[in-house]
Protein backbone atom coordinates (compact mmCIF):
# COMPACT_ATOMS: atom_id res chain seq x y z
CA MET A 1 -24.79 82.43 -107.44
CA CYS A 2 -25.88 79.81 -104.85
CA GLY A 3 -24.16 79.34 -101.44
CA CYS A 4 -24.27 76.06 -99.47
CA GLU A 5 -23.88 74.75 -95.88
CA LEU A 6 -23.21 71.21 -94.45
CA ASP A 7 -26.07 68.87 -93.55
CA PRO A 8 -25.63 67.84 -89.83
CA TYR A 9 -26.63 64.21 -90.61
CA THR A 10 -25.37 63.45 -94.11
CA LYS A 11 -22.37 65.85 -93.82
CA GLY A 12 -23.16 66.92 -97.44
CA PRO A 13 -23.81 70.42 -98.83
CA ILE A 14 -27.30 72.03 -98.67
CA PRO A 15 -27.88 74.51 -101.50
CA MET A 16 -28.94 78.06 -100.50
CA CYS A 17 -30.91 79.95 -103.17
CA LYS A 18 -30.03 83.63 -103.82
CA ILE A 19 -32.28 84.07 -106.91
CA PRO A 20 -36.08 84.17 -106.30
CA PHE A 21 -38.11 81.23 -107.62
CA ARG A 22 -40.19 83.62 -109.80
CA VAL A 23 -37.04 84.45 -111.72
CA TRP A 24 -36.41 80.69 -112.07
CA ILE A 25 -39.84 80.33 -113.70
CA ALA A 26 -39.22 83.36 -115.93
CA ASN A 27 -35.86 81.94 -116.96
CA ALA A 28 -37.48 78.59 -117.73
CA ALA A 29 -40.19 80.31 -119.82
CA ALA A 30 -37.54 82.26 -121.78
CA ARG A 31 -35.60 79.04 -122.44
CA LEU A 32 -38.52 76.75 -123.23
CA CYS A 33 -41.06 79.13 -124.95
CA GLY A 34 -39.22 82.30 -125.93
CA PRO A 35 -38.12 83.25 -129.46
CA ARG A 36 -34.55 83.20 -130.62
CA GLY A 37 -32.32 85.43 -128.48
CA SER A 38 -34.74 85.43 -125.51
CA VAL A 39 -32.21 83.53 -123.31
CA THR A 40 -29.60 86.25 -123.76
CA THR A 41 -32.18 89.01 -123.19
CA GLN A 42 -33.51 87.31 -120.02
CA ALA A 43 -29.99 86.76 -118.66
CA GLN A 44 -29.15 90.42 -119.10
CA ARG A 45 -32.45 91.51 -117.56
CA VAL A 46 -32.05 89.48 -114.33
CA ASP A 47 -28.24 89.88 -114.19
CA CYS A 48 -27.21 86.22 -114.42
CA SER A 49 -25.35 84.02 -116.87
CA ARG A 50 -26.85 82.17 -119.81
CA GLN A 51 -25.77 78.85 -118.13
CA THR A 52 -27.83 79.73 -115.08
CA VAL A 53 -30.91 80.26 -117.29
CA TYR A 54 -30.41 76.81 -118.83
CA GLU A 55 -29.99 75.19 -115.38
CA HIS A 56 -33.13 76.87 -114.02
CA ALA A 57 -35.08 75.64 -117.00
CA GLN A 58 -33.96 72.04 -116.43
CA LYS A 59 -34.75 72.18 -112.71
CA VAL A 60 -38.20 73.75 -113.15
CA GLU A 61 -39.13 71.21 -115.81
CA ALA A 62 -37.88 68.31 -113.62
CA ALA A 63 -39.83 69.66 -110.60
CA VAL A 64 -43.08 69.92 -112.59
CA GLU A 65 -42.67 66.42 -114.01
CA ALA A 66 -41.92 64.99 -110.55
CA GLN A 67 -44.99 66.65 -109.06
CA HIS A 68 -47.40 65.32 -111.67
CA SER A 69 -45.82 61.97 -112.58
CA GLY A 70 -47.64 59.97 -109.86
CA GLY A 71 -44.51 59.44 -107.62
CA PRO A 72 -44.32 60.07 -103.87
CA ALA A 73 -45.41 63.49 -102.67
CA HIS A 74 -43.04 66.07 -101.21
CA GLU A 75 -44.33 65.41 -97.68
CA GLU A 76 -43.66 61.69 -98.06
CA LYS A 77 -40.12 62.39 -99.13
CA ASP A 78 -39.68 64.64 -96.10
CA ARG A 79 -40.89 61.87 -93.78
CA GLU A 80 -38.60 59.37 -95.51
CA ILE A 81 -35.62 61.68 -95.13
CA ALA A 82 -36.43 62.25 -91.44
CA ALA A 83 -36.60 58.48 -90.86
CA LEU A 84 -33.30 57.96 -92.62
CA ARG A 85 -31.71 60.68 -90.49
CA ARG A 86 -32.97 58.96 -87.30
CA ASP A 87 -31.51 55.69 -88.53
CA ILE A 88 -28.17 57.36 -89.24
CA THR A 89 -28.12 58.89 -85.76
CA GLN A 90 -28.81 55.51 -84.17
CA LEU A 91 -26.09 53.87 -86.28
CA TRP A 92 -23.59 56.48 -85.13
CA ASP A 93 -24.58 55.79 -81.51
CA TRP A 94 -24.14 52.03 -82.00
CA LEU A 95 -20.75 52.56 -83.63
CA SER A 96 -19.49 54.42 -80.56
CA HIS A 97 -20.20 51.33 -78.42
CA THR A 98 -18.83 48.67 -80.76
CA ILE A 99 -15.48 46.85 -80.32
CA GLU A 100 -13.10 47.09 -83.19
CA LEU A 101 -11.61 43.61 -83.63
CA PRO A 102 -10.00 43.25 -87.06
CA VAL A 103 -8.10 40.12 -88.06
CA ALA A 104 -4.79 41.44 -86.75
CA LYS A 105 -6.25 41.96 -83.26
CA GLN A 106 -7.89 38.53 -83.38
CA GLN A 107 -4.50 37.02 -84.11
CA MET A 108 -2.91 38.89 -81.18
CA PHE A 109 -5.83 37.90 -78.96
CA ALA A 110 -5.20 34.24 -79.77
CA ALA A 111 -1.45 34.56 -79.20
CA LYS A 112 -1.87 36.29 -75.83
CA GLY A 113 -4.53 33.82 -74.73
CA MET A 114 -2.26 30.89 -75.45
CA GLY A 115 0.58 32.65 -73.64
CA MET A 116 -1.68 33.02 -70.58
CA GLY A 117 -2.40 29.29 -70.66
CA LEU A 118 -5.71 29.05 -72.50
CA SER A 119 -6.39 26.17 -74.86
CA HIS A 120 -7.38 26.45 -78.52
CA SER A 121 -11.01 25.65 -77.63
CA GLN A 122 -11.11 28.34 -74.93
CA VAL A 123 -9.69 30.96 -77.29
CA HIS A 124 -12.24 29.90 -79.93
CA ASP A 125 -15.14 30.21 -77.43
CA LEU A 126 -14.06 33.69 -76.34
CA LEU A 127 -13.76 34.92 -79.93
CA ALA A 128 -17.16 33.42 -80.71
CA PHE A 129 -18.61 35.35 -77.77
CA LEU A 130 -17.13 38.64 -79.03
CA LEU A 131 -17.64 38.22 -82.80
CA GLY A 132 -20.55 35.83 -83.03
CA ALA A 133 -20.55 32.28 -84.36
CA THR A 134 -20.58 33.28 -88.04
CA ALA A 135 -17.68 35.77 -87.89
CA CYS A 136 -15.55 33.68 -85.50
CA PRO A 137 -12.46 32.01 -87.05
CA SER A 138 -12.29 28.22 -86.97
CA ARG A 139 -10.12 26.21 -84.58
CA SER A 140 -7.76 25.31 -87.40
CA THR A 141 -7.29 28.99 -88.23
CA ILE A 142 -6.58 29.79 -84.59
CA HIS A 143 -4.10 26.92 -84.51
CA ARG A 144 -2.24 28.40 -87.53
CA TRP A 145 -2.22 31.81 -85.87
CA VAL A 146 -0.76 30.39 -82.67
CA GLN A 147 1.89 28.43 -84.58
CA ALA A 148 2.95 31.60 -86.41
CA ALA A 149 2.95 33.53 -83.11
CA GLY A 150 5.13 30.86 -81.50
CA LYS A 151 7.62 31.09 -84.36
CA ALA A 152 7.67 34.88 -84.02
CA ALA A 153 8.19 34.57 -80.23
CA GLY A 154 11.21 32.35 -80.84
CA VAL A 155 12.78 35.01 -83.04
CA VAL A 156 12.07 37.74 -80.45
CA LEU A 157 13.47 35.62 -77.59
CA LYS A 158 16.73 35.02 -79.46
CA ARG A 159 17.23 38.77 -79.59
CA LEU A 160 16.18 39.37 -75.99
CA ASP A 161 18.21 36.45 -74.60
CA GLY A 162 21.31 38.09 -76.06
CA GLY A 163 20.68 41.09 -73.84
CA CYS A 164 19.88 38.96 -70.79
CA ARG A 165 23.04 36.83 -70.89
CA GLY A 166 25.12 39.47 -69.14
CA LEU A 167 22.41 40.20 -66.53
CA VAL A 168 21.46 36.70 -65.28
CA LEU A 169 23.94 36.03 -62.45
CA VAL A 170 22.01 33.46 -60.40
CA GLY A 171 20.00 30.58 -61.79
CA CYS A 172 17.55 28.02 -60.40
CA LEU A 173 17.56 24.96 -62.65
CA ASP A 174 15.26 21.97 -62.99
CA GLU A 175 13.47 19.84 -65.57
CA ILE A 176 9.81 18.98 -66.04
CA PHE A 177 8.50 16.16 -68.18
CA PHE A 178 5.73 16.31 -70.85
CA HIS A 179 4.81 12.81 -72.03
CA ARG A 180 8.28 11.58 -70.99
CA ARG A 181 9.98 14.40 -72.92
CA PRO A 182 12.01 16.73 -70.65
CA VAL A 183 11.74 20.50 -70.70
CA LEU A 184 14.87 22.18 -69.28
CA VAL A 185 13.87 25.18 -67.16
CA GLY A 186 16.00 28.01 -65.79
CA ILE A 187 14.76 30.96 -63.65
CA ASP A 188 16.46 34.03 -62.22
CA PRO A 189 15.10 34.02 -58.66
CA GLN A 190 15.24 37.78 -58.02
CA SER A 191 13.59 39.08 -61.19
CA MET A 192 11.72 35.83 -61.97
CA VAL A 193 12.97 36.01 -65.58
CA TRP A 194 12.42 32.69 -67.33
CA PHE A 195 15.72 32.58 -69.21
CA LEU A 196 15.75 28.90 -70.23
CA GLY A 197 12.85 26.86 -71.57
CA LYS A 198 14.04 24.16 -73.91
CA LYS A 199 12.17 20.99 -74.92
CA ALA A 200 14.96 18.43 -75.29
CA ALA A 201 15.30 14.82 -76.39
CA ASP A 202 16.83 13.87 -73.01
CA HIS A 203 18.14 15.41 -69.80
CA LYS A 204 21.70 14.11 -69.90
CA GLY A 205 24.68 16.14 -68.77
CA SER A 206 25.72 16.96 -72.33
CA THR A 207 22.25 18.34 -73.10
CA TRP A 208 22.29 20.57 -70.02
CA TRP A 209 25.82 21.76 -70.83
CA GLY A 210 24.79 22.63 -74.36
CA GLU A 211 22.01 24.89 -73.06
CA LEU A 212 23.99 26.49 -70.23
CA ARG A 213 27.24 27.22 -72.07
CA SER A 214 25.96 30.49 -73.57
CA TRP A 215 25.01 31.89 -70.17
CA THR A 216 28.57 32.89 -69.28
CA ALA A 217 27.64 35.45 -66.58
CA LEU A 218 26.14 32.82 -64.29
CA GLY A 219 28.02 32.89 -60.98
CA TYR A 220 25.82 30.64 -58.86
CA VAL A 221 23.22 27.97 -59.60
CA THR A 222 21.03 25.94 -57.31
CA CYS A 223 19.38 22.68 -58.29
CA ASP A 224 18.34 19.25 -57.09
CA ALA A 225 20.56 16.18 -57.02
CA GLY A 226 19.49 14.87 -60.44
CA SER A 227 22.39 13.10 -62.12
CA GLY A 228 21.95 14.71 -65.56
CA LEU A 229 21.75 18.25 -64.18
CA GLN A 230 24.70 17.67 -61.83
CA SER A 231 26.75 16.31 -64.75
CA GLY A 232 25.91 19.29 -66.95
CA ILE A 233 26.98 21.79 -64.29
CA ALA A 234 30.18 19.79 -63.68
CA GLN A 235 30.99 19.99 -67.40
CA MET A 236 30.38 23.74 -67.29
CA GLN A 237 32.70 24.15 -64.29
CA GLN A 238 35.42 22.06 -65.94
CA HIS A 239 35.19 24.11 -69.14
CA GLN A 240 35.53 27.32 -67.14
CA ARG A 241 38.60 26.01 -65.35
CA ASP A 242 40.16 24.95 -68.65
CA THR A 243 39.62 28.44 -70.08
CA ASP A 244 40.94 30.24 -66.94
CA GLN A 245 37.48 31.45 -65.87
CA VAL A 246 36.01 31.46 -62.38
CA PRO A 247 33.87 28.30 -62.16
CA VAL A 248 30.22 28.73 -61.36
CA GLU A 249 29.29 27.91 -57.74
CA LYS A 250 26.74 25.18 -57.22
CA GLY A 251 24.34 24.82 -54.32
CA LEU A 252 22.14 21.87 -53.55
CA ASP A 253 18.48 22.75 -53.30
CA VAL A 254 17.39 22.53 -49.64
CA PHE A 255 13.73 22.41 -50.74
CA HIS A 256 14.08 18.83 -51.93
CA THR A 257 15.92 17.86 -48.74
CA LYS A 258 13.10 19.13 -46.60
CA LYS A 259 10.50 17.62 -48.90
CA GLU A 260 12.17 14.18 -48.68
CA ALA A 261 12.38 14.37 -44.87
CA HIS A 262 8.67 15.28 -44.63
CA ARG A 263 7.85 12.40 -46.94
CA VAL A 264 9.67 9.94 -44.69
CA LEU A 265 8.01 11.37 -41.58
CA SER A 266 4.65 11.03 -43.31
CA ILE A 267 5.36 7.33 -44.01
CA LEU A 268 6.38 6.75 -40.38
CA TRP A 269 3.25 8.52 -39.12
CA LYS A 270 0.97 6.47 -41.32
CA ARG A 271 2.64 3.35 -39.84
CA VAL A 272 1.88 4.68 -36.35
CA GLU A 273 -1.74 5.35 -37.32
CA ARG A 274 -2.11 1.87 -38.77
CA LEU A 275 -0.71 0.16 -35.64
CA TRP A 276 -2.81 2.43 -33.43
CA GLU A 277 -5.97 1.50 -35.32
CA GLN A 278 -5.09 -2.20 -34.99
CA ALA A 279 -4.60 -1.77 -31.22
CA GLU A 280 -7.94 0.04 -30.90
CA LYS A 281 -9.62 -2.70 -32.93
CA ALA A 282 -8.16 -5.36 -30.62
CA SER A 283 -9.32 -3.41 -27.58
CA ARG A 284 -12.86 -3.18 -28.95
CA ALA A 285 -12.87 -6.95 -29.54
CA LEU A 286 -11.75 -7.56 -25.93
CA ASN A 287 -14.38 -5.23 -24.52
CA ARG A 288 -17.09 -6.90 -26.61
CA ALA A 289 -16.03 -10.35 -25.37
CA GLN A 290 -16.07 -9.15 -21.77
CA ARG A 291 -19.56 -7.66 -22.13
CA GLN A 292 -20.89 -10.86 -23.70
CA GLY A 293 -19.28 -13.01 -21.00
CA ARG A 294 -17.39 -15.11 -23.52
CA LYS A 295 -14.14 -16.88 -22.81
CA LEU A 296 -11.28 -14.41 -23.37
CA GLY A 297 -8.53 -16.86 -24.22
CA GLY A 298 -5.53 -15.08 -25.68
CA LEU A 299 -7.34 -11.79 -26.35
CA PRO A 300 -5.72 -9.85 -23.42
CA HIS A 301 -2.25 -10.87 -24.57
CA SER A 302 -3.04 -9.83 -28.17
CA VAL A 303 -4.32 -6.44 -26.97
CA ASN A 304 -1.24 -5.80 -24.86
CA LYS A 305 1.02 -6.81 -27.74
CA ALA A 306 -0.85 -4.53 -30.19
CA TRP A 307 -0.66 -1.54 -27.84
CA LYS A 308 3.00 -2.20 -27.20
CA LYS A 309 3.72 -2.16 -30.95
CA ALA A 310 1.71 1.07 -31.39
CA THR A 311 3.47 2.74 -28.44
CA LEU A 312 6.90 1.75 -29.65
CA ALA A 313 6.09 3.01 -33.16
CA PHE A 314 4.84 6.32 -31.74
CA GLN A 315 7.99 6.72 -29.60
CA TRP A 316 10.14 5.85 -32.63
CA TYR A 317 8.34 8.51 -34.65
CA GLU A 318 8.76 11.13 -31.91
CA LYS A 319 12.52 10.52 -31.76
CA ARG A 320 12.88 10.82 -35.53
CA GLU A 321 10.74 13.93 -35.66
CA ALA A 322 12.72 15.56 -32.84
CA ALA A 323 16.01 14.73 -34.60
CA TRP A 324 14.76 16.25 -37.86
CA LYS A 325 13.42 19.37 -36.12
CA ARG A 326 16.84 19.90 -34.61
CA VAL A 327 18.68 19.52 -37.92
CA GLU A 328 16.15 21.43 -40.04
CA PRO A 329 17.29 24.96 -38.86
CA ALA A 330 20.75 24.11 -40.26
CA LEU A 331 19.21 24.63 -43.73
CA ASP A 332 17.95 28.11 -42.88
CA VAL A 333 19.65 31.52 -43.04
CA CYS A 334 19.23 32.14 -39.30
CA ARG A 335 19.12 29.82 -36.31
CA ALA A 336 16.12 29.45 -34.06
CA ASP A 337 17.48 32.15 -31.71
CA GLY A 338 18.01 34.69 -34.52
CA GLN A 339 21.75 34.33 -34.88
CA LEU A 340 23.28 34.10 -38.33
CA ASN A 341 23.81 30.53 -39.47
CA ASP A 342 27.20 29.27 -40.66
CA ARG A 343 28.61 26.10 -42.17
CA ALA A 344 30.38 24.88 -39.00
CA TRP A 345 27.25 25.08 -36.85
CA ALA A 346 25.10 23.54 -39.59
CA GLN A 347 27.43 20.59 -40.12
CA ALA A 348 27.60 20.03 -36.33
CA GLN A 349 23.80 19.74 -36.23
CA VAL A 350 23.92 17.29 -39.14
CA ALA A 351 26.59 15.18 -37.48
CA TRP A 352 24.49 14.97 -34.30
CA ALA A 353 21.35 13.95 -36.24
CA LEU A 354 22.84 11.36 -38.60
CA SER A 355 23.01 8.55 -36.00
CA ARG A 356 19.45 9.42 -34.91
CA LEU A 357 18.02 9.02 -38.42
CA PRO A 358 18.77 5.36 -39.18
CA GLY A 359 17.13 3.04 -41.67
CA LYS A 360 16.76 2.78 -45.40
CA GLU A 361 13.96 5.32 -45.51
CA TRP A 362 16.35 8.03 -44.25
CA SER A 363 19.23 7.14 -46.60
CA LYS A 364 18.41 9.81 -49.18
CA VAL A 365 18.02 12.49 -46.49
CA ARG A 366 21.35 11.51 -44.95
CA GLY A 367 23.06 11.69 -48.34
CA LEU A 368 21.65 15.18 -49.03
CA LEU A 369 22.58 16.47 -45.57
CA THR A 370 26.17 15.22 -45.81
CA ASN A 371 26.64 16.79 -49.26
CA ALA A 372 28.91 19.82 -48.84
CA GLU A 373 26.95 21.70 -51.51
CA SER A 374 23.88 21.81 -49.22
CA PHE A 375 25.56 24.67 -47.36
CA THR A 376 27.10 26.59 -50.25
CA PHE A 377 24.49 29.31 -49.71
CA LEU A 378 25.93 29.95 -46.21
CA ASP A 379 29.43 30.47 -47.62
CA ARG A 380 28.11 32.95 -50.18
CA LEU A 381 26.05 34.69 -47.51
CA HIS A 382 29.06 35.28 -45.23
CA ASP A 383 31.22 36.39 -48.19
CA GLN A 384 28.65 38.98 -49.26
CA LEU A 385 28.15 40.28 -45.71
CA GLY A 386 31.92 40.50 -45.29
CA GLN A 387 32.12 42.78 -48.33
CA LEU A 388 29.87 45.34 -46.57
CA SER A 389 32.73 46.34 -44.19
CA LEU A 390 30.49 46.59 -41.13
CA PRO A 391 31.65 46.01 -37.52
CA GLU A 392 30.75 42.51 -36.39
CA ALA A 393 28.58 43.75 -33.53
CA MET A 394 26.64 46.05 -35.86
CA ARG A 395 26.27 43.33 -38.47
CA ASP A 396 24.93 40.80 -35.93
CA ALA A 397 22.50 43.38 -34.51
CA LEU A 398 21.13 44.20 -37.97
CA VAL A 399 20.82 40.50 -38.85
CA ARG A 400 18.82 39.92 -35.69
CA LEU A 401 16.64 42.96 -36.44
CA TRP A 402 15.93 41.52 -39.91
CA TRP A 403 15.05 38.16 -38.34
CA LEU A 404 12.79 39.68 -35.64
CA ARG A 405 11.00 41.76 -38.23
CA ARG A 406 9.93 38.52 -39.96
CA GLN A 407 8.76 36.92 -36.73
CA ARG A 408 6.03 39.52 -36.25
CA PRO A 409 2.48 38.68 -37.37
CA LYS A 410 1.79 39.82 -40.92
CA LYS A 411 -1.58 41.36 -40.05
CA SER A 412 -1.15 43.55 -36.98
CA SER A 413 -3.94 44.20 -34.53
CA LYS A 414 -4.11 45.91 -31.13
CA LEU A 415 -3.27 42.63 -29.44
CA ASP A 416 -0.38 41.90 -31.79
CA ASN A 417 1.23 45.27 -31.09
CA VAL A 418 1.84 44.34 -27.47
CA GLY A 419 2.97 40.80 -28.28
CA CYS A 420 6.41 39.44 -27.38
CA GLU A 421 7.67 39.43 -30.98
CA HIS A 422 6.78 43.08 -31.48
CA LEU A 423 8.42 44.19 -28.23
CA LEU A 424 11.60 42.30 -29.03
CA TYR A 425 11.69 43.96 -32.43
CA LEU A 426 11.32 47.43 -30.90
CA LEU A 427 14.10 46.74 -28.38
CA GLN A 428 16.40 45.55 -31.13
CA LEU A 429 15.55 48.68 -33.12
CA VAL A 430 16.64 50.85 -30.19
CA LEU A 431 19.87 48.87 -29.88
CA CYS A 432 20.70 49.41 -33.56
CA GLN A 433 20.06 53.16 -33.19
CA LYS A 434 22.49 53.32 -30.29
CA LEU A 435 25.19 51.40 -32.14
CA ASP A 436 24.93 53.68 -35.19
CA PRO A 437 22.59 56.70 -35.59
CA ASN A 438 22.80 56.18 -39.40
CA TRP A 439 21.88 52.50 -39.18
CA ARG A 440 19.17 52.58 -41.83
CA GLU A 441 21.53 52.52 -44.83
CA SER A 442 23.51 49.66 -43.32
CA TYR A 443 20.28 47.80 -42.64
CA ARG A 444 19.20 48.15 -46.28
CA GLN A 445 22.48 46.60 -47.39
CA VAL A 446 22.25 43.74 -44.88
CA ALA A 447 18.57 43.13 -45.67
CA THR A 448 19.33 43.03 -49.41
CA VAL A 449 22.00 40.35 -48.90
CA LEU A 450 19.81 38.27 -46.58
CA SER A 451 16.65 38.49 -48.69
CA GLN A 452 18.53 37.64 -51.92
CA THR A 453 20.22 34.54 -50.49
CA VAL A 454 19.19 31.68 -52.73
CA ARG A 455 19.09 28.31 -50.94
CA ALA A 456 16.17 26.63 -52.69
CA SER A 457 14.96 26.40 -56.26
CA SER A 458 11.45 27.43 -55.26
CA ALA A 459 11.37 29.91 -58.19
CA VAL A 460 11.78 27.14 -60.75
CA GLU A 461 9.29 24.96 -58.85
CA CYS A 462 6.84 27.87 -59.17
CA MET A 463 7.41 27.86 -62.94
CA ASN A 464 7.02 24.07 -63.06
CA SER A 465 3.61 24.37 -61.36
CA ILE A 466 2.54 26.88 -64.04
CA LEU A 467 3.74 24.57 -66.80
CA ARG A 468 1.83 21.67 -65.26
CA MET A 469 -1.31 23.79 -65.32
CA HIS A 470 -0.73 24.44 -69.02
CA GLN A 471 0.01 20.78 -69.59
CA SER A 472 -3.46 19.88 -68.32
CA ARG A 473 -4.99 22.01 -71.10
CA HIS A 474 -2.87 20.84 -74.02
CA ARG A 475 -2.23 17.41 -75.46
CA THR A 476 1.35 18.32 -76.14
CA VAL A 477 3.62 21.31 -75.58
CA THR A 478 5.81 22.21 -78.56
CA GLN A 479 8.92 24.40 -78.51
CA ARG A 480 6.99 27.18 -80.24
CA MET A 481 4.32 27.10 -77.57
CA LEU A 482 7.02 27.17 -74.86
CA ASP A 483 8.58 30.22 -76.56
CA LEU A 484 5.21 31.96 -76.65
CA LYS A 485 4.57 31.23 -72.96
CA ARG A 486 8.09 32.28 -71.97
CA LEU A 487 7.85 35.63 -73.80
CA TYR A 488 4.45 36.33 -72.23
CA TRP A 489 5.74 35.45 -68.73
CA ASN A 490 8.76 37.75 -69.04
CA CYS A 491 6.59 40.64 -70.24
CA ARG A 492 3.77 40.07 -67.72
CA VAL A 493 3.48 42.76 -65.03
CA PHE A 494 3.22 41.47 -61.46
CA ARG A 495 0.00 42.54 -59.75
CA SER A 496 1.00 42.02 -56.12
CA GLY A 497 3.96 41.41 -53.85
CA LYS A 498 7.36 43.07 -53.77
CA ARG A 499 7.56 43.00 -57.58
CA LYS A 500 4.20 44.73 -58.10
CA GLY A 501 4.01 47.04 -61.11
CA PHE A 502 7.04 45.60 -62.93
CA CYS A 503 7.61 42.78 -65.37
CA PRO A 504 10.55 40.33 -65.06
CA TYR A 505 12.54 42.00 -67.85
CA GLN A 506 12.29 45.35 -66.03
CA LEU A 507 13.36 43.79 -62.72
CA LEU A 508 16.33 42.12 -64.40
CA GLY A 509 17.48 45.50 -65.76
CA LEU A 510 16.99 44.75 -69.48
CA LYS A 511 16.50 48.08 -71.26
CA LEU A 512 13.75 47.99 -73.88
CA PRO A 513 11.76 50.86 -75.49
CA ASN A 514 8.59 48.93 -74.72
CA TYR A 515 7.92 45.87 -72.54
CA ASP A 516 4.44 45.15 -73.92
CA PHE A 517 4.01 41.57 -75.12
CA CYS A 518 1.89 42.50 -78.12
CA THR A 519 4.24 45.28 -79.25
CA LEU A 520 7.31 43.00 -79.09
CA LEU A 521 5.52 40.25 -80.99
CA GLU A 522 3.63 42.31 -83.56
CA ALA A 523 6.41 43.07 -86.03
CA GLU A 524 7.65 39.46 -86.17
CA MET A 525 4.11 38.07 -86.35
CA SER A 526 3.37 39.84 -89.62
CA THR A 527 6.44 38.21 -91.18
CA ALA A 528 5.53 34.80 -89.74
CA PHE A 529 1.97 35.04 -91.06
CA THR A 530 3.22 35.95 -94.52
CA GLU A 531 5.52 32.93 -94.54
CA ALA A 532 2.74 30.68 -93.25
CA LYS A 533 0.41 31.84 -96.05
CA ALA A 534 3.10 31.17 -98.64
CA VAL A 535 3.66 27.67 -97.28
CA ALA A 536 -0.10 26.95 -97.29
CA LYS A 537 -0.39 28.22 -100.86
CA ALA A 538 2.52 26.05 -101.99
CA LYS A 539 0.91 22.99 -100.39
CA LYS A 540 -2.39 23.68 -102.20
CA MET A 541 -0.60 24.04 -105.52
CA ALA A 542 1.29 20.80 -104.92
CA ILE A 543 -1.96 18.96 -104.13
CA ALA A 544 -3.65 20.42 -107.20
CA ALA A 545 -0.74 19.35 -109.38
């Protein structure tokens, strides 16, 4: 009898009348005032049902009562409805600009913030900015969330580490200390995967061996000369020999050798500066005495003696610096003239420099330089280049091309393009083309070997610097927090450089359906939060009992 359409604001039905209102009034009169049988007669007369007559009677009676009962007029109701519709429209507009941040997203926000290196207070301040002070969770709640996220990250990492064990072939190893507690760190230098992050009770050889024994695919590691780390690798090598496996190769980190040499040179230079300042001070005293006409006495002799000491110290420094500058290229991939370095040439440079670096201050540098493992990277480099099956002349030409390419200025300008380095590079390029028209594929192979030569643990030093930054924001670093940071680092996409657009797990070759940090953590976090709630409930019940 009555059709309806949807209200554009309330989304509800609007009745559409198909029977005239006069008939409504007649139906109401038949129902309310007519004799017996008038409802049936009226329904037949207007061609509607008896139920419709009863409904019309109720609605007409209600409308008359509403009009004369002293309530709001029809126009007032229309204005009120219009105002409500405007409010609804504004609310819909506000809803389209709001941020949906339920508890689950707040928990993930806190976990990701801690993985990035934020402190609990910083995460709390950011949530308070987004949610407001009243809706923001407390610091203790955020702490519980982070603890549960760290536990979930540990479970996820156990599963992911199983897939990485066959892919990590080279490792840079080191330890960093948090309140005198060591954290054992291992990094794959090519993909920058953080495959080892263990907070241990000590850094003895047995502890290192216990953490490294599961990484059976490791073929080469580089590290500093720390006794615990060296002992752990030695135990790993001995175990591999006992089980008829190829022992892992070990290289001594040249970064620490160079750092120690620069430290000694800095000490020597400060000594020169101190003696030079003393000589200048003595000279000023002599000049002042001469101007004032005072008796000079032994001042000229003191000045000459001071300048003699300063000059001898400066000459001593120059000799030591020259000796170090000559031996330093022995720790590089290429020599100063662009030729490929080798162990024989490097050890010859070391032998020449040893007698020219005397004194206790150089003892550590001499020990590092005479260690055969300082040049393990050169042996590996020549072995890998030998596997390419390239003619020696072609190989040397491509190595020099690779070296010249890195001598050019990074930011070219019109003046740079006509510089000596650029011209030499172009000439070498022409030479390679003449030796082999299809030189580009061979160059890619040579460049890959040269660029992936690991001679320093700079990758793990990079990770240590990040951990020190995190250490400055936290009173302590627990194993769960380390797991959370490690998972975030391995899922974080690089924004610049040669690894741009990829995360460490992708660069390592680990196949995952999704590399997103939140996606990997989400499933385990729900389980961890459920367990945490159960533990908290049990504690409350125990306290109440």
